[in-house]
Amino acid sequence: MANQQRTPTRVPAPTPVRRITAAVVDALTALMCGLAAGAATGVKVVDGVVELRPQSPAVWGAALGAALSVSFVNHVLLTLATRASLGKLVAGLRVVRASDGGHPRFLRLTGRWLFGFYWTVVFVPIHLATDSDVEQQDAVGLRIVRRKS
């Protein structure tokens, strides 16, 4: 009994449904903000008539820039402050350091944000093409856990 080590109580891992819900809410937030910024940039009023000019490169640049900016603020800055992005707050999840369950730091959150793009470009198409059971992995020493009630 004296040689036994106490293991810390681990917070339960989130279900795939919670993870997918969080990802969808986060993606829709960035996408909708990007589309709104693009639309606002492409609106031109000519003789009292409002026209949307989606062919302009400025529209697509504004849309992409806004979507990436909102994504960064949501996944890095908001998570740095609250331990969760908007989607994770909705799904009842939070981001912690895998080593000790502590608060995530800026550089790791930025790495995790960038890894999300890599995951989306490389693994999502493979998963869809092969209909595999690959689950998204935690990255850069951070993991997603359920929030304590």
Protein backbone atom coordinates (compact mmCIF):
# COMPACT_ATOMS: atom_id res chain seq x y z
CA MET A 1 0.00 0.00 0.00
CA ALA A 2 2.83 2.44 0.75
CA ASN A 3 4.30 2.03 -2.75
CA GLN A 4 1.07 2.81 -4.60
CA GLN A 5 0.98 6.12 -6.41
CA ARG A 6 -2.15 8.16 -6.67
CA THR A 7 -3.25 8.83 -10.21
CA PRO A 8 -5.12 12.07 -10.82
CA THR A 9 -8.81 11.81 -11.57
CA ARG A 10 -9.28 12.19 -15.30
CA VAL A 11 -12.11 14.14 -16.77
CA PRO A 12 -14.15 11.98 -19.14
CA ALA A 13 -13.33 12.22 -22.83
CA PRO A 14 -15.97 13.92 -24.95
CA THR A 15 -18.23 11.91 -27.20
CA PRO A 16 -17.78 12.25 -30.95
CA VAL A 17 -21.15 14.03 -31.13
CA ARG A 18 -19.93 16.74 -28.75
CA ARG A 19 -16.70 17.18 -30.70
CA ILE A 20 -18.54 17.39 -34.03
CA THR A 21 -21.08 19.85 -32.59
CA ALA A 22 -18.27 22.09 -31.37
CA ALA A 23 -16.46 21.91 -34.72
CA VAL A 24 -19.62 22.71 -36.69
CA VAL A 25 -20.51 25.70 -34.50
CA ASP A 26 -16.94 27.04 -34.76
CA ALA A 27 -16.80 26.51 -38.53
CA LEU A 28 -20.20 28.13 -39.12
CA THR A 29 -19.23 31.11 -36.97
CA ALA A 30 -16.08 31.77 -39.00
CA LEU A 31 -17.82 31.08 -42.31
CA MET A 32 -20.78 33.36 -41.61
CA CYS A 33 -18.52 36.20 -40.43
CA GLY A 34 -16.38 35.77 -43.54
CA LEU A 35 -19.40 35.82 -45.82
CA ALA A 36 -20.76 38.91 -44.08
CA ALA A 37 -17.44 40.73 -44.45
CA GLY A 38 -17.21 39.72 -48.11
CA ALA A 39 -20.76 40.84 -48.79
CA ALA A 40 -20.15 44.15 -47.03
CA THR A 41 -17.04 44.71 -49.13
CA GLY A 42 -18.78 43.81 -52.39
CA VAL A 43 -21.83 46.04 -51.95
CA LYS A 44 -21.90 49.00 -54.26
CA VAL A 45 -24.67 51.57 -54.48
CA VAL A 46 -25.21 52.93 -57.99
CA ASP A 47 -28.01 55.49 -58.51
CA GLY A 48 -29.78 54.31 -55.37
CA VAL A 49 -29.62 50.64 -56.39
CA VAL A 50 -27.64 48.26 -54.20
CA GLU A 51 -25.56 45.74 -56.12
CA LEU A 52 -23.40 42.91 -54.85
CA ARG A 53 -20.28 42.35 -56.95
CA PRO A 54 -18.98 38.89 -55.99
CA GLN A 55 -16.52 38.79 -58.89
CA SER A 56 -14.26 41.35 -57.20
CA PRO A 57 -11.05 39.95 -55.66
CA ALA A 58 -11.54 42.39 -52.77
CA VAL A 59 -14.74 40.57 -51.82
CA TRP A 60 -13.01 37.19 -51.62
CA GLY A 61 -9.97 38.66 -49.88
CA ALA A 62 -12.17 40.30 -47.25
CA ALA A 63 -14.18 37.11 -46.81
CA LEU A 64 -11.09 34.94 -46.38
CA GLY A 65 -9.36 37.46 -44.12
CA ALA A 66 -12.40 37.86 -41.89
CA ALA A 67 -13.03 34.11 -41.68
CA LEU A 68 -9.40 33.42 -40.69
CA SER A 69 -9.39 36.32 -38.22
CA VAL A 70 -12.60 35.21 -36.54
CA SER A 71 -11.31 31.63 -36.43
CA PHE A 72 -8.05 32.77 -34.81
CA VAL A 73 -9.83 34.94 -32.23
CA ASN A 74 -12.27 32.12 -31.45
CA HIS A 75 -9.81 29.22 -31.29
CA VAL A 76 -6.79 30.97 -29.81
CA LEU A 77 -7.68 34.18 -27.96
CA LEU A 78 -11.10 33.14 -26.63
CA THR A 79 -9.75 29.73 -25.66
CA LEU A 80 -6.80 31.41 -23.93
CA ALA A 81 -9.26 33.47 -21.86
CA THR A 82 -12.00 30.90 -21.21
CA ARG A 83 -10.43 27.49 -22.03
CA ALA A 84 -13.07 27.01 -24.76
CA SER A 85 -14.08 28.34 -28.15
CA LEU A 86 -17.72 29.26 -28.86
CA GLY A 87 -18.44 25.77 -30.17
CA LYS A 88 -16.84 24.11 -27.19
CA LEU A 89 -18.82 26.31 -24.81
CA VAL A 90 -22.04 25.26 -26.57
CA ALA A 91 -21.04 21.57 -26.49
CA GLY A 92 -19.88 21.63 -22.86
CA LEU A 93 -16.20 21.07 -23.65
CA ARG A 94 -12.93 22.75 -22.74
CA VAL A 95 -9.27 22.62 -23.80
CA VAL A 96 -6.60 21.64 -21.29
CA ARG A 97 -2.92 20.70 -21.32
CA ALA A 98 -2.62 16.95 -21.74
CA SER A 99 0.24 16.72 -19.24
CA ASP A 100 -1.48 18.17 -16.18
CA GLY A 101 -4.94 19.47 -17.10
CA GLY A 102 -3.80 23.07 -16.72
CA HIS A 103 -4.60 26.15 -18.75
CA PRO A 104 -3.42 26.06 -22.36
CA ARG A 105 -0.85 28.66 -23.45
CA PHE A 106 -0.82 30.95 -26.49
CA LEU A 107 1.78 29.12 -28.61
CA ARG A 108 0.21 25.71 -28.09
CA LEU A 109 -3.24 27.10 -28.92
CA THR A 110 -1.84 28.67 -32.08
CA GLY A 111 -0.23 25.35 -33.03
CA ARG A 112 -3.50 23.56 -32.37
CA TRP A 113 -5.36 26.08 -34.55
CA LEU A 114 -2.90 25.53 -37.41
CA PHE A 115 -3.07 21.75 -36.94
CA GLY A 116 -6.85 22.01 -37.45
CA PHE A 117 -6.30 23.28 -40.99
CA TYR A 118 -3.85 20.46 -41.69
CA TRP A 119 -6.34 17.93 -40.31
CA THR A 120 -9.12 19.38 -42.46
CA VAL A 121 -7.07 19.31 -45.66
CA VAL A 122 -5.39 15.91 -45.20
CA PHE A 123 -7.45 13.63 -42.98
CA VAL A 124 -11.06 14.69 -43.56
CA PRO A 125 -10.93 13.81 -47.30
CA ILE A 126 -9.26 10.48 -46.50
CA HIS A 127 -11.90 9.74 -43.87
CA LEU A 128 -14.72 10.60 -46.27
CA ALA A 129 -13.21 8.65 -49.18
CA THR A 130 -12.59 5.49 -47.15
CA ASP A 131 -15.53 5.77 -44.74
CA SER A 132 -13.12 5.02 -41.89
CA ASP A 133 -13.60 5.43 -38.17
CA VAL A 134 -10.69 7.86 -37.76
CA GLU A 135 -11.39 10.28 -34.94
CA GLN A 136 -9.80 13.70 -34.66
CA GLN A 137 -6.72 13.57 -32.51
CA ASP A 138 -5.69 16.03 -29.86
CA ALA A 139 -2.61 17.95 -30.91
CA VAL A 140 0.44 19.83 -29.59
CA GLY A 141 0.06 18.65 -26.03
CA LEU A 142 -3.53 19.86 -25.63
CA ARG A 143 -6.66 17.79 -25.34
CA ILE A 144 -10.39 18.38 -25.32
CA VAL A 145 -12.30 17.24 -22.26
CA ARG A 146 -15.84 17.63 -20.98
CA ARG A 147 -16.45 20.56 -18.69
CA LYS A 148 -17.06 19.71 -15.09
CA SER A 149 -20.68 20.21 -14.11
